[in-house]
C-alpha atoms as a PDB file:
ATOM      1  CA  MET A   1       0.000   0.000   0.000  1.00  0.00           C
ATOM      2  CA  SER A   2       1.021   3.548  -0.644  1.00  0.00           C
ATOM      3  CA  HIS A   3      -0.339   7.062  -1.191  1.00  0.00           C
ATOM      4  CA  THR A   4      -0.911   9.337  -4.162  1.00  0.00           C
ATOM      5  CA  ASP A   5       1.991  11.566  -3.162  1.00  0.00           C
ATOM      6  CA  THR A   6       4.511   8.733  -3.147  1.00  0.00           C
ATOM      7  CA  ALA A   7       6.309   7.399  -6.254  1.00  0.00           C
ATOM      8  CA  GLU A   8       6.340   3.620  -6.480  1.00  0.00           C
ATOM      9  CA  ASP A   9       8.388   1.104  -8.445  1.00  0.00           C
ATOM     10  CA  VAL A  10       6.838  -1.644 -10.563  1.00  0.00           C
ATOM     11  CA  LYS A  11       9.617  -4.197 -11.139  1.00  0.00           C
ATOM     12  CA  LEU A  12       9.432  -6.968 -13.690  1.00  0.00           C
ATOM     13  CA  THR A  13      12.003  -9.757 -13.894  1.00  0.00           C
ATOM     14  CA  CYS A  14      12.154 -11.642 -17.156  1.00  0.00           C
ATOM     15  CA  GLU A  15      14.204 -14.646 -18.331  1.00  0.00           C
ATOM     16  CA  ASN A  16      14.555 -15.873 -21.890  1.00  0.00           C
ATOM     17  CA  LEU A  17      12.443 -12.979 -23.079  1.00  0.00           C
ATOM     18  CA  GLY A  18      14.212 -12.711 -26.396  1.00  0.00           C
ATOM     19  CA  ASN A  19      12.475 -10.382 -28.779  1.00  0.00           C
ATOM     20  CA  ASN A  20       9.060 -11.007 -27.324  1.00  0.00           C
ATOM     21  CA  GLU A  21       7.060  -7.953 -26.296  1.00  0.00           C
ATOM     22  CA  VAL A  22       5.759  -7.368 -22.787  1.00  0.00           C
ATOM     23  CA  VAL A  23       2.143  -6.254 -22.756  1.00  0.00           C
ATOM     24  CA  TRP A  24       0.899  -4.435 -19.696  1.00  0.00           C
ATOM     25  CA  THR A  25      -2.675  -4.340 -18.416  1.00  0.00           C
ATOM     26  CA  VAL A  26      -3.604  -2.118 -15.486  1.00  0.00           C
ATOM     27  CA  LEU A  27      -6.858  -2.336 -13.550  1.00  0.00           C
ATOM     28  CA  ARG A  28      -8.063   0.178 -10.986  1.00  0.00           C
ATOM     29  CA  ASP A  29     -10.830  -1.085  -8.783  1.00  0.00           C
ATOM     30  CA  GLY A  30     -11.516  -3.806 -11.339  1.00  0.00           C
ATOM     31  CA  LYS A  31     -11.680  -1.572 -14.423  1.00  0.00           C
ATOM     32  CA  GLU A  32      -8.989  -1.382 -17.050  1.00  0.00           C
ATOM     33  CA  ILE A  33      -7.279   2.003 -17.298  1.00  0.00           C
ATOM     34  CA  VAL A  34      -4.391   3.599 -19.101  1.00  0.00           C
ATOM     35  CA  PRO A  35      -1.228   2.859 -17.118  1.00  0.00           C
ATOM     36  CA  PRO A  36      -0.520   5.768 -14.730  1.00  0.00           C
ATOM     37  CA  PHE A  37       3.123   5.896 -15.914  1.00  0.00           C
ATOM     38  CA  ASP A  38       5.336   4.372 -18.572  1.00  0.00           C
ATOM     39  CA  LEU A  39       5.924   0.640 -18.324  1.00  0.00           C
ATOM     40  CA  THR A  40       8.662  -1.313 -20.115  1.00  0.00           C
ATOM     41  CA  ALA A  41      10.055  -4.837 -20.074  1.00  0.00           C
ATOM     42  CA  ARG A  42      11.674  -3.958 -16.755  1.00  0.00           C
ATOM     43  CA  GLY A  43       8.620  -2.304 -15.220  1.00  0.00           C
ATOM     44  CA  GLY A  44       8.273   1.365 -14.389  1.00  0.00           C
ATOM     45  CA  HIS A  45       8.385   4.100 -11.759  1.00  0.00           C
ATOM     46  CA  GLY A  46       5.947   6.885 -11.029  1.00  0.00           C
ATOM     47  CA  PHE A  47       3.045   8.357  -9.071  1.00  0.00           C
ATOM     48  CA  PHE A  48      -0.553   7.257  -8.882  1.00  0.00           C
ATOM     49  CA  SER A  49      -2.771  10.256  -9.481  1.00  0.00           C
ATOM     50  CA  GLU A  50      -5.908   8.564  -8.194  1.00  0.00           C
ATOM     51  CA  PRO A  51      -6.464   6.404  -5.138  1.00  0.00           C
ATOM     52  CA  GLY A  52      -7.712   2.865  -5.621  1.00  0.00           C
ATOM     53  CA  PHE A  53      -6.776  -0.789  -5.800  1.00  0.00           C
ATOM     54  CA  TYR A  54      -4.397  -1.274  -8.720  1.00  0.00           C
ATOM     55  CA  THR A  55      -3.568  -4.566 -10.407  1.00  0.00           C
ATOM     56  CA  PHE A  56      -0.641  -4.756 -12.829  1.00  0.00           C
ATOM     57  CA  THR A  57      -0.466  -7.672 -15.236  1.00  0.00           C
ATOM     58  CA  ALA A  58       2.504  -8.237 -17.571  1.00  0.00           C
ATOM     59  CA  SER A  59       1.917 -10.725 -20.397  1.00  0.00           C
ATOM     60  CA  VAL A  60       4.430 -12.246 -22.802  1.00  0.00           C
ATOM     61  CA  THR A  61       3.469 -14.473 -25.772  1.00  0.00           C
ATOM     62  CA  ASP A  62       6.332 -16.637 -27.064  1.00  0.00           C
ATOM     63  CA  GLU A  63       6.894 -18.046 -30.525  1.00  0.00           C
ATOM     64  CA  LEU A  64       4.742 -21.075 -29.752  1.00  0.00           C
ATOM     65  CA  GLY A  65       1.812 -18.922 -28.676  1.00  0.00           C
ATOM     66  CA  ARG A  66       2.188 -19.713 -25.026  1.00  0.00           C
ATOM     67  CA  VAL A  67       1.256 -16.819 -22.776  1.00  0.00           C
ATOM     68  CA  THR A  68       3.189 -16.159 -19.579  1.00  0.00           C
ATOM     69  CA  THR A  69       1.825 -13.614 -17.079  1.00  0.00           C
ATOM     70  CA  ALA A  70       2.933 -11.965 -13.883  1.00  0.00           C
ATOM     71  CA  THR A  71       0.532 -10.061 -11.661  1.00  0.00           C
ATOM     72  CA  ALA A  72       0.989  -7.715  -8.694  1.00  0.00           C
ATOM     73  CA  SER A  73      -1.432  -5.457  -6.854  1.00  0.00           C
ATOM     74  CA  ILE A  74      -1.154  -2.369  -4.665  1.00  0.00           C
ATOM     75  CA  GLN A  75      -3.623  -0.306  -2.691  1.00  0.00           C
ATOM     76  CA  ILE A  76      -3.177   3.426  -3.181  1.00  0.00           C
ATOM     77  CA  TYR A  77      -4.645   5.774  -0.560  1.00  0.00           C
ATOM     78  CA  PRO A  78      -5.370   9.459  -0.942  1.00  0.00           C
ATOM     79  CA  VAL A  79      -3.301  11.910   1.028  1.00  0.00           C
ATOM     80  CA  GLY A  80      -5.168  12.953   4.130  1.00  0.00           C
ATOM     81  CA  VAL A  81      -5.354  16.435   5.582  1.00  0.00           C
ATOM     82  CA  SER A  82      -5.352  17.324   9.251  1.00  0.00           C
ATOM     83  CA  GLY A  83      -5.957  20.920  10.173  1.00  0.00           C
ATOM     84  CA  PHE A  84      -7.983  23.315  12.294  1.00  0.00           C
ATOM     85  CA  TYR A  85      -8.053  26.958  13.305  1.00  0.00           C
ATOM     86  CA  LEU A  86      -8.562  28.827  16.558  1.00  0.00           C
ATOM     87  CA  PRO A  87      -7.978  32.516  17.288  1.00  0.00           C
ATOM     88  CA  LYS A  88      -4.458  33.263  18.485  1.00  0.00           C
ATOM     89  CA  MET A  89      -5.708  35.179  21.540  1.00  0.00           C
ATOM     90  CA  PHE A  90      -9.002  35.128  23.400  1.00  0.00           C
ATOM     91  CA  HIS A  91     -10.403  35.111  26.956  1.00  0.00           C
ATOM     92  CA  THR A  92     -11.843  32.662  29.432  1.00  0.00           C
ATOM     93  CA  ASP A  93     -15.298  34.193  28.927  1.00  0.00           C
ATOM     94  CA  SER A  94     -15.088  33.772  25.128  1.00  0.00           C
ATOM     95  CA  VAL A  95     -16.885  31.031  23.224  1.00  0.00           C
ATOM     96  CA  VAL A  96     -14.721  30.514  20.144  1.00  0.00           C
ATOM     97  CA  THR A  97     -15.363  28.660  16.913  1.00  0.00           C
ATOM     98  CA  LEU A  98     -13.158  25.686  16.101  1.00  0.00           C
ATOM     99  CA  VAL A  99     -12.824  25.520  12.316  1.00  0.00           C
ATOM    100  CA  THR A 100     -11.600  22.102  11.113  1.00  0.00           C
ATOM    101  CA  SER A 101     -10.316  20.640   7.848  1.00  0.00           C
ATOM    102  CA  PHE A 102      -9.843  16.881   7.880  1.00  0.00           C
ATOM    103  CA  GLU A 103      -9.716  14.907   4.652  1.00  0.00           C
ATOM    104  CA  GLU A 104      -9.615  11.157   4.231  1.00  0.00           C
ATOM    105  CA  LEU A 105     -10.311  10.690   7.898  1.00  0.00           C
ATOM    106  CA  GLY A 106     -13.027   8.179   7.151  1.00  0.00           C
ATOM    107  CA  GLU A 107     -13.905   6.021  10.110  1.00  0.00           C
ATOM    108  CA  ASN A 108     -10.474   6.386  11.628  1.00  0.00           C
ATOM    109  CA  PRO A 109     -10.438   7.765  15.176  1.00  0.00           C
ATOM    110  CA  LEU A 110      -9.397  11.385  15.637  1.00  0.00           C
ATOM    111  CA  ARG A 111      -7.266  11.995  18.708  1.00  0.00           C
ATOM    112  CA  TRP A 112      -7.026  15.367  20.470  1.00  0.00           C
ATOM    113  CA  SER A 113      -4.328  16.330  22.966  1.00  0.00           C
ATOM    114  CA  LEU A 114      -3.656  19.530  24.903  1.00  0.00           C
ATOM    115  CA  THR A 115      -0.743  21.157  26.688  1.00  0.00           C
ATOM    116  CA  ARG A 116      -1.046  24.114  29.048  1.00  0.00           C
ATOM    117  CA  ASN A 117       2.013  26.110  30.021  1.00  0.00           C
ATOM    118  CA  GLY A 118       4.188  23.303  28.632  1.00  0.00           C
ATOM    119  CA  GLU A 119       2.496  20.443  30.502  1.00  0.00           C
ATOM    120  CA  ASN A 120       0.170  17.773  29.120  1.00  0.00           C
ATOM    121  CA  VAL A 121      -3.320  18.196  30.562  1.00  0.00           C
ATOM    122  CA  PRO A 122      -6.646  16.378  30.067  1.00  0.00           C
ATOM    123  CA  VAL A 123      -8.733  18.113  27.424  1.00  0.00           C
ATOM    124  CA  SER A 124     -11.964  17.664  29.383  1.00  0.00           C
ATOM    125  CA  ASP A 125     -10.538  19.475  32.422  1.00  0.00           C
ATOM    126  CA  TYR A 126      -9.853  22.660  30.505  1.00  0.00           C
ATOM    127  CA  VAL A 127     -12.274  22.750  27.585  1.00  0.00           C
ATOM    128  CA  THR A 128     -16.036  23.175  27.623  1.00  0.00           C
ATOM    129  CA  GLY A 129     -17.622  21.807  24.477  1.00  0.00           C
ATOM    130  CA  GLU A 130     -16.796  18.840  22.285  1.00  0.00           C
ATOM    131  CA  LEU A 131     -13.782  18.615  20.011  1.00  0.00           C
ATOM    132  CA  THR A 132     -14.811  16.804  16.833  1.00  0.00           C
ATOM    133  CA  ALA A 133     -13.739  16.549  13.221  1.00  0.00           C
ATOM    134  CA  ASP A 134     -16.646  18.829  12.321  1.00  0.00           C
ATOM    135  CA  GLY A 135     -15.486  21.662  14.583  1.00  0.00           C
ATOM    136  CA  GLY A 136     -17.881  23.554  16.819  1.00  0.00           C
ATOM    137  CA  LYS A 137     -18.041  26.000  19.711  1.00  0.00           C
ATOM    138  CA  ILE A 138     -15.659  25.604  22.638  1.00  0.00           C
ATOM    139  CA  GLN A 139     -14.592  27.597  25.693  1.00  0.00           C
ATOM    140  CA  PHE A 140     -11.456  27.357  27.816  1.00  0.00           C
ATOM    141  CA  LYS A 141     -11.945  27.370  31.574  1.00  0.00           C
ATOM    142  CA  GLN A 142      -8.545  28.702  32.648  1.00  0.00           C
ATOM    143  CA  ALA A 143      -6.019  31.185  31.321  1.00  0.00           C
ATOM    144  CA  GLY A 144      -2.672  30.004  30.018  1.00  0.00           C
ATOM    145  CA  GLU A 145      -0.407  29.286  27.077  1.00  0.00           C
ATOM    146  CA  TYR A 146      -1.963  26.383  25.181  1.00  0.00           C
ATOM    147  CA  LYS A 147      -1.105  24.023  22.340  1.00  0.00           C
ATOM    148  CA  LEU A 148      -3.880  21.914  20.842  1.00  0.00           C
ATOM    149  CA  ARG A 149      -3.033  18.888  18.682  1.00  0.00           C
ATOM    150  CA  ALA A 150      -5.184  16.661  16.467  1.00  0.00           C
ATOM    151  CA  SER A 151      -3.926  13.408  14.920  1.00  0.00           C
ATOM    152  CA  PHE A 152      -5.172  10.321  13.138  1.00  0.00           C
ATOM    153  CA  GLN A 153      -3.874   7.327  11.179  1.00  0.00           C
ATOM    154  CA  ASP A 154      -5.381   6.349   7.859  1.00  0.00           C
ATOM    155  CA  ALA A 155      -5.988   2.838   6.587  1.00  0.00           C
ATOM    156  CA  GLY A 156      -2.632   2.955   4.822  1.00  0.00           C
ATOM    157  CA  GLY A 157      -0.818   3.316   8.133  1.00  0.00           C
ATOM    158  CA  ARG A 158       0.204   6.915   7.568  1.00  0.00           C
ATOM    159  CA  ASN A 159      -0.041   9.291  10.523  1.00  0.00           C
ATOM    160  CA  TYR A 160      -1.366  12.838  10.205  1.00  0.00           C
ATOM    161  CA  SER A 161      -1.263  15.565  12.800  1.00  0.00           C
ATOM    162  CA  TYR A 162      -1.696  19.292  13.206  1.00  0.00           C
ATOM    163  CA  GLU A 163      -1.134  21.551  16.196  1.00  0.00           C
ATOM    164  CA  GLN A 164      -1.690  25.192  17.007  1.00  0.00           C
ATOM    165  CA  SER A 165      -0.519  27.400  19.843  1.00  0.00           C
ATOM    166  CA  PHE A 166      -2.677  30.145  21.338  1.00  0.00           C
ATOM    167  CA  THR A 167      -3.061  32.203  24.499  1.00  0.00           C
ATOM    168  CA  VAL A 168      -6.128  32.349  26.706  1.00  0.00           C
ATOM    169  CA  TYR A 169      -6.275  35.492  28.858  1.00  0.00           C
ATOM    170  CA  PRO A 170      -8.078  35.891  32.177  1.00  0.00           C
ATOM    171  CA  ILE A 171     -10.753  38.454  32.994  1.00  0.00           C
ATOM    172  CA  PRO A 172      -9.095  41.098  35.188  1.00  0.00           C
ATOM    173  CA  VAL A 173     -10.773  42.405  38.313  1.00  0.00           C
ATOM    174  CA  ILE A 174      -9.881  45.562  40.225  1.00  0.00           C
ATOM    175  CA  ALA A 175     -11.678  47.336  43.071  1.00  0.00           C
ATOM    176  CA  TRP A 176     -10.761  50.059  45.520  1.00  0.00           C
ATOM    177  CA  THR A 177     -11.939  51.952  48.565  1.00  0.00           C
ATOM    178  CA  MET A 178     -11.136  55.453  49.789  1.00  0.00           C
ATOM    179  CA  PRO A 179     -12.421  57.974  52.348  1.00  0.00           C
ATOM    180  CA  ASN A 180     -15.737  59.726  51.805  1.00  0.00           C
ATOM    181  CA  TYR A 181     -14.120  63.119  52.425  1.00  0.00           C
ATOM    182  CA  ALA A 182     -10.717  64.697  51.914  1.00  0.00           C
ATOM    183  CA  HIS A 183      -9.151  68.137  51.658  1.00  0.00           C
ATOM    184  CA  THR A 184      -7.223  69.748  48.859  1.00  0.00           C
ATOM    185  CA  ASP A 185      -4.144  70.119  51.049  1.00  0.00           C
ATOM    186  CA  SER A 186      -3.913  66.515  52.272  1.00  0.00           C
ATOM    187  CA  THR A 187      -3.214  63.116  50.754  1.00  0.00           C
ATOM    188  CA  PHE A 188      -5.346  60.049  51.287  1.00  0.00           C
ATOM    189  CA  THR A 189      -4.932  56.335  50.611  1.00  0.00           C
ATOM    190  CA  VAL A 190      -6.715  54.503  47.832  1.00  0.00           C
ATOM    191  CA  ALA A 191      -6.801  50.856  48.919  1.00  0.00           C
ATOM    192  CA  VAL A 192      -6.640  48.815  45.708  1.00  0.00           C
ATOM    193  CA  GLU A 193      -7.263  45.097  45.314  1.00  0.00           C
ATOM    194  CA  SER A 194      -6.774  43.381  41.953  1.00  0.00           C
ATOM    195  CA  LYS A 195      -6.473  39.931  40.441  1.00  0.00           C
ATOM    196  CA  ASN A 196      -6.018  38.352  37.014  1.00  0.00           C
ATOM    197  CA  VAL A 197      -4.155  41.420  35.720  1.00  0.00           C
ATOM    198  CA  VAL A 198      -1.456  40.198  33.313  1.00  0.00           C
ATOM    199  CA  ALA A 199       1.998  41.717  33.533  1.00  0.00           C
ATOM    200  CA  ASP A 200       1.905  43.436  30.134  1.00  0.00           C
ATOM    201  CA  ALA A 201      -1.526  45.007  30.585  1.00  0.00           C
ATOM    202  CA  VAL A 202      -1.841  48.807  30.394  1.00  0.00           C
ATOM    203  CA  ILE A 203      -3.386  50.400  33.499  1.00  0.00           C
ATOM    204  CA  GLN A 204      -5.005  53.833  33.108  1.00  0.00           C
ATOM    205  CA  TRP A 205      -6.672  55.697  35.984  1.00  0.00           C
ATOM    206  CA  HIS A 206      -8.983  58.650  35.385  1.00  0.00           C
ATOM    207  CA  ILE A 207     -10.980  61.158  37.418  1.00  0.00           C
ATOM    208  CA  ASP A 208     -14.488  62.454  36.702  1.00  0.00           C
ATOM    209  CA  ASP A 209     -15.795  65.672  38.197  1.00  0.00           C
ATOM    210  CA  THR A 210     -19.156  66.476  39.766  1.00  0.00           C
ATOM    211  CA  TYR A 211     -20.813  66.569  36.343  1.00  0.00           C
ATOM    212  CA  GLY A 212     -19.348  63.282  35.172  1.00  0.00           C
ATOM    213  CA  LEU A 213     -16.834  64.958  32.893  1.00  0.00           C
ATOM    214  CA  ARG A 214     -13.412  63.351  32.676  1.00  0.00           C
ATOM    215  CA  GLN A 215     -10.622  65.682  33.712  1.00  0.00           C
ATOM    216  CA  ASN A 216      -6.894  65.655  33.127  1.00  0.00           C
ATOM    217  CA  TRP A 217      -5.296  63.476  35.785  1.00  0.00           C
ATOM    218  CA  GLY A 218      -2.175  65.581  36.201  1.00  0.00           C
ATOM    219  CA  THR A 219      -4.175  68.784  36.556  1.00  0.00           C
ATOM    220  CA  TYR A 220      -6.507  67.456  39.198  1.00  0.00           C
ATOM    221  CA  VAL A 221      -4.489  64.777  40.979  1.00  0.00           C
ATOM    222  CA  ALA A 222      -1.056  64.679  42.590  1.00  0.00           C
ATOM    223  CA  GLY A 223       0.320  61.141  42.594  1.00  0.00           C
ATOM    224  CA  ASN A 224      -0.320  58.005  40.573  1.00  0.00           C
ATOM    225  CA  LEU A 225      -2.136  54.719  41.080  1.00  0.00           C
ATOM    226  CA  THR A 226      -1.419  51.201  39.830  1.00  0.00           C
ATOM    227  CA  THR A 227      -2.967  47.838  40.669  1.00  0.00           C
ATOM    228  CA  ASN A 228      -1.661  48.261  44.224  1.00  0.00           C
ATOM    229  CA  SER A 229      -2.715  50.637  46.968  1.00  0.00           C
ATOM    230  CA  GLY A 230      -1.340  54.157  46.745  1.00  0.00           C
ATOM    231  CA  ASP A 231      -1.605  57.709  48.096  1.00  0.00           C
ATOM    232  CA  ILE A 232      -2.912  60.638  46.075  1.00  0.00           C
ATOM    233  CA  ARG A 233      -4.071  64.203  46.642  1.00  0.00           C
ATOM    234  CA  ILE A 234      -6.902  65.827  44.715  1.00  0.00           C
ATOM    235  CA  LYS A 235      -5.978  69.453  44.088  1.00  0.00           C
ATOM    236  CA  HIS A 236      -9.430  70.926  43.526  1.00  0.00           C
ATOM    237  CA  ALA A 237     -12.572  71.003  45.618  1.00  0.00           C
ATOM    238  CA  GLY A 238     -15.641  69.120  44.437  1.00  0.00           C
ATOM    239  CA  VAL A 239     -17.188  65.700  44.256  1.00  0.00           C
ATOM    240  CA  PHE A 240     -15.042  63.326  42.230  1.00  0.00           C
ATOM    241  CA  THR A 241     -15.201  59.723  41.038  1.00  0.00           C
ATOM    242  CA  LEU A 242     -12.151  57.632  40.248  1.00  0.00           C
ATOM    243  CA  GLY A 243     -12.174  55.083  37.445  1.00  0.00           C
ATOM    244  CA  CYS A 244      -9.723  52.570  36.042  1.00  0.00           C
ATOM    245  CA  GLU A 245      -9.278  51.024  32.596  1.00  0.00           C
ATOM    246  CA  ILE A 246      -7.227  47.878  31.961  1.00  0.00           C
ATOM    247  CA  THR A 247      -6.177  47.108  28.399  1.00  0.00           C
ATOM    248  CA  ASP A 248      -4.721  43.635  27.922  1.00  0.00           C
ATOM    249  CA  PRO A 249      -2.522  42.467  25.005  1.00  0.00           C
ATOM    250  CA  THR A 250      -5.583  41.511  22.935  1.00  0.00           C
ATOM    251  CA  GLY A 251      -6.647  45.165  22.912  1.00  0.00           C
ATOM    252  CA  ARG A 252      -9.751  44.456  24.983  1.00  0.00           C
ATOM    253  CA  VAL A 253     -10.534  47.250  27.440  1.00  0.00           C
ATOM    254  CA  PHE A 254     -12.012  46.508  30.851  1.00  0.00           C
ATOM    255  CA  SER A 255     -13.548  49.526  32.626  1.00  0.00           C
ATOM    256  CA  PHE A 256     -14.144  49.832  36.351  1.00  0.00           C
ATOM    257  CA  ASP A 257     -15.798  52.581  38.408  1.00  0.00           C
ATOM    258  CA  GLY A 258     -15.453  53.151  42.113  1.00  0.00           C
ATOM    259  CA  PRO A 259     -16.965  55.266  44.873  1.00  0.00           C
ATOM    260  CA  SER A 260     -17.052  59.048  44.928  1.00  0.00           C
ATOM    261  CA  ILE A 261     -15.187  61.345  47.271  1.00  0.00           C
ATOM    262  CA  GLU A 262     -16.035  64.869  48.355  1.00  0.00           C
ATOM    263  CA  VAL A 263     -12.981  67.085  48.459  1.00  0.00           C
ATOM    264  CA  LEU A 264     -13.136  70.225  50.578  1.00  0.00           C
ATOM    265  CA  ALA A 265     -10.934  73.233  50.077  1.00  0.00           C
ATOM    266  CA  ASP A 266      -8.704  74.565  52.826  1.00  0.00           C
ATOM    267  CA  GLN A 267     -10.590  77.590  54.145  1.00  0.00           C
ATOM    268  CA  GLU A 268      -8.796  80.894  54.824  1.00  0.00           C
ATOM    269  CA  TYR A 269      -9.923  84.482  55.157  1.00  0.00           C
ATOM    270  CA  ILE A 270      -8.205  87.837  55.136  1.00  0.00           C
ATOM    271  CA  ILE A 271      -9.254  90.746  57.386  1.00  0.00           C
ATOM    272  CA  GLU A 272      -7.661  94.051  58.248  1.00  0.00           C
ATOM    273  CA  LYS A 273      -5.770  93.930  61.531  1.00  0.00           C
ATOM    274  CA  GLN A 274      -6.916  97.400  62.683  1.00  0.00           C
ATOM    275  CA  VAL A 275     -10.361  98.893  62.144  1.00  0.00           C
ATOM    276  CA  TYR A 276     -12.511 101.610  63.728  1.00  0.00           C
ATOM    277  CA  THR A 277     -15.973 101.351  65.100  1.00  0.00           C
ATOM    278  CA  GLY A 278     -18.623 102.145  62.588  1.00  0.00           C
ATOM    279  CA  GLU A 279     -16.393 101.141  59.691  1.00  0.00           C
ATOM    280  CA  THR A 280     -17.229  98.490  57.110  1.00  0.00           C
ATOM    281  CA  VAL A 281     -14.859  95.544  57.504  1.00  0.00           C
ATOM    282  CA  GLN A 282     -13.985  93.587  54.387  1.00  0.00           C
ATOM    283  CA  VAL A 283     -13.413  89.840  54.885  1.00  0.00           C
ATOM    284  CA  ARG A 284     -12.054  87.974  51.886  1.00  0.00           C
ATOM    285  CA  THR A 285     -12.418  84.155  51.957  1.00  0.00           C
ATOM    286  CA  LEU A 286     -10.158  81.766  50.056  1.00  0.00           C
ATOM    287  CA  GLY A 287     -11.376  78.356  48.900  1.00  0.00           C
ATOM    288  CA  ASN A 288     -14.619  76.859  47.743  1.00  0.00           C
ATOM    289  CA  ASN A 289     -16.621  75.414  50.609  1.00  0.00           C
ATOM    290  CA  ILE A 290     -19.150  73.785  48.236  1.00  0.00           C
ATOM    291  CA  GLU A 291     -22.001  75.690  49.946  1.00  0.00           C
ATOM    292  CA  LEU A 292     -21.320  74.159  53.339  1.00  0.00           C
ATOM    293  CA  PRO A 293     -22.733  76.162  56.263  1.00  0.00           C
ATOM    294  CA  VAL A 294     -20.357  78.747  57.717  1.00  0.00           C
ATOM    295  CA  GLU A 295     -20.492  79.801  61.344  1.00  0.00           C
ATOM    296  CA  TRP A 296     -18.834  83.043  62.402  1.00  0.00           C
ATOM    297  CA  SER A 297     -17.871  84.164  65.919  1.00  0.00           C
ATOM    298  CA  LEU A 298     -16.272  87.277  67.370  1.00  0.00           C
ATOM    299  CA  GLU A 299     -14.132  87.749  70.448  1.00  0.00           C
ATOM    300  CA  LYS A 300     -13.411  91.047  72.183  1.00  0.00           C
ATOM    301  CA  ASP A 301     -10.444  91.128  74.525  1.00  0.00           C
ATOM    302  CA  GLY A 302     -10.396  87.328  74.515  1.00  0.00           C
ATOM    303  CA  LYS A 303     -14.082  86.995  75.379  1.00  0.00           C
ATOM    304  CA  PRO A 304     -17.076  86.206  73.158  1.00  0.00           C
ATOM    305  CA  ALA A 305     -18.830  89.335  71.945  1.00  0.00           C
ATOM    306  CA  ASP A 306     -22.308  89.752  70.547  1.00  0.00           C
ATOM    307  CA  ILE A 307     -22.353  90.966  66.983  1.00  0.00           C
ATOM    308  CA  LYS A 308     -24.892  91.884  64.396  1.00  0.00           C
ATOM    309  CA  ILE A 309     -23.731  91.105  60.884  1.00  0.00           C
ATOM    310  CA  ARG A 310     -25.002  92.457  57.616  1.00  0.00           C
ATOM    311  CA  ARG A 311     -23.649  90.341  54.790  1.00  0.00           C
ATOM    312  CA  ILE A 312     -23.268  91.319  51.187  1.00  0.00           C
ATOM    313  CA  GLN A 313     -21.823  88.506  49.063  1.00  0.00           C
ATOM    314  CA  SER A 314     -20.534  88.688  45.524  1.00  0.00           C
ATOM    315  CA  ARG A 315     -18.596  86.040  43.628  1.00  0.00           C
ATOM    316  CA  ASN A 316     -15.706  86.512  41.271  1.00  0.00           C
ATOM    317  CA  ALA A 317     -15.975  83.700  38.725  1.00  0.00           C
ATOM    318  CA  GLU A 318     -12.431  84.036  37.485  1.00  0.00           C
ATOM    319  CA  LEU A 319     -10.620  84.093  40.826  1.00  0.00           C
ATOM    320  CA  GLY A 320     -12.996  81.759  42.610  1.00  0.00           C
ATOM    321  CA  LEU A 321     -13.150  84.165  45.594  1.00  0.00           C
ATOM    322  CA  SER A 322     -16.037  85.295  47.704  1.00  0.00           C
ATOM    323  CA  LEU A 323     -16.112  88.852  48.984  1.00  0.00           C
ATOM    324  CA  LEU A 324     -17.915  89.231  52.255  1.00  0.00           C
ATOM    325  CA  ARG A 325     -18.573  92.595  53.829  1.00  0.00           C
ATOM    326  CA  TYR A 326     -19.444  92.795  57.459  1.00  0.00           C
ATOM    327  CA  VAL A 327     -20.550  95.795  59.506  1.00  0.00           C
ATOM    328  CA  CYS A 328     -20.134  95.374  63.229  1.00  0.00           C
ATOM    329  CA  TYR A 329     -22.204  97.302  65.716  1.00  0.00           C
ATOM    330  CA  ASN A 330     -22.102  97.747  69.488  1.00  0.00           C
ATOM    331  CA  ILE A 331     -18.319  98.081  69.484  1.00  0.00           C
ATOM    332  CA  PRO A 332     -17.266 100.945  71.776  1.00  0.00           C
ATOM    333  CA  HIS A 333     -15.496 103.894  70.101  1.00  0.00           C
ATOM    334  CA  LYS A 334     -11.853 104.379  70.871  1.00  0.00           C
ATOM    335  CA  SER A 335     -10.986 107.786  72.302  1.00  0.00           C
ATOM    336  CA  ASP A 336      -7.786 107.997  70.244  1.00  0.00           C
ATOM    337  CA  HIS A 337      -6.854 106.607  66.895  1.00  0.00           C
ATOM    338  CA  PRO A 338      -3.526 104.750  66.739  1.00  0.00           C
END
């Protein structure tokens, strides 16, 4: 037996042939055909273009009319094909299509084998779905570097195999906690927990303001975050939400949102150190208190003093300052001005 891609020899040994001619008859599957290659008194050499059961008969008729024959047969098998296709990269939550191409498999058993991270593993432990010669939908349960192999042996005893390497990536998870409140002049800790983040993934943190608009990280935040806990300071007052995006080597982006934090500005005010009774005192406040209630108190000679306050407030949009004017009454007049 042989295959259509293999050249075979047909050898004929003759004695006392003389000038007698050798006549060749070739049958394929019981039907006479034109010989697949040239045949002489010594036989021939060549390929069989079609599979089948071939019978070669060489006949010689001598001067007395006696016919001498020699017969030989060979089974020729087609060349099989073993092949399949899977994506080079996908994830544990992906159901992928196994595209197969097996020819001349017939009733011969198809064997599948799998390695993960260089070690042989049972297919059923790592693959959901059935591996067949017709392909289908399968899913891999765990991440890793895989090599899948398919092989079979045809009736002619020839072995065929095909293998493909691919990477299955995990689904990353990241979460974090942080205080509910912070101030613009102080750092706070973002406690980060993560898993299934591959080493060559790109980690990108972002900050959204009160209105859900994404702001420039460097403008609004001092410090950086990774997949581990870290300390940052938010430079501006407001309510902010942190987010994180993880891009793995497949280009898939995983987005995560966390809790919000209210950042309060450091409050300061400026007032003249010396004033006279009856005068209007200008108090300039620094920082945005996000409309939190403000309580004012006054001390005279180290003791609480009753005051009546008339407040006129105007806001400067460009400077972010509030101008407060206060008029204080019931403060005794000094007899002499300093």
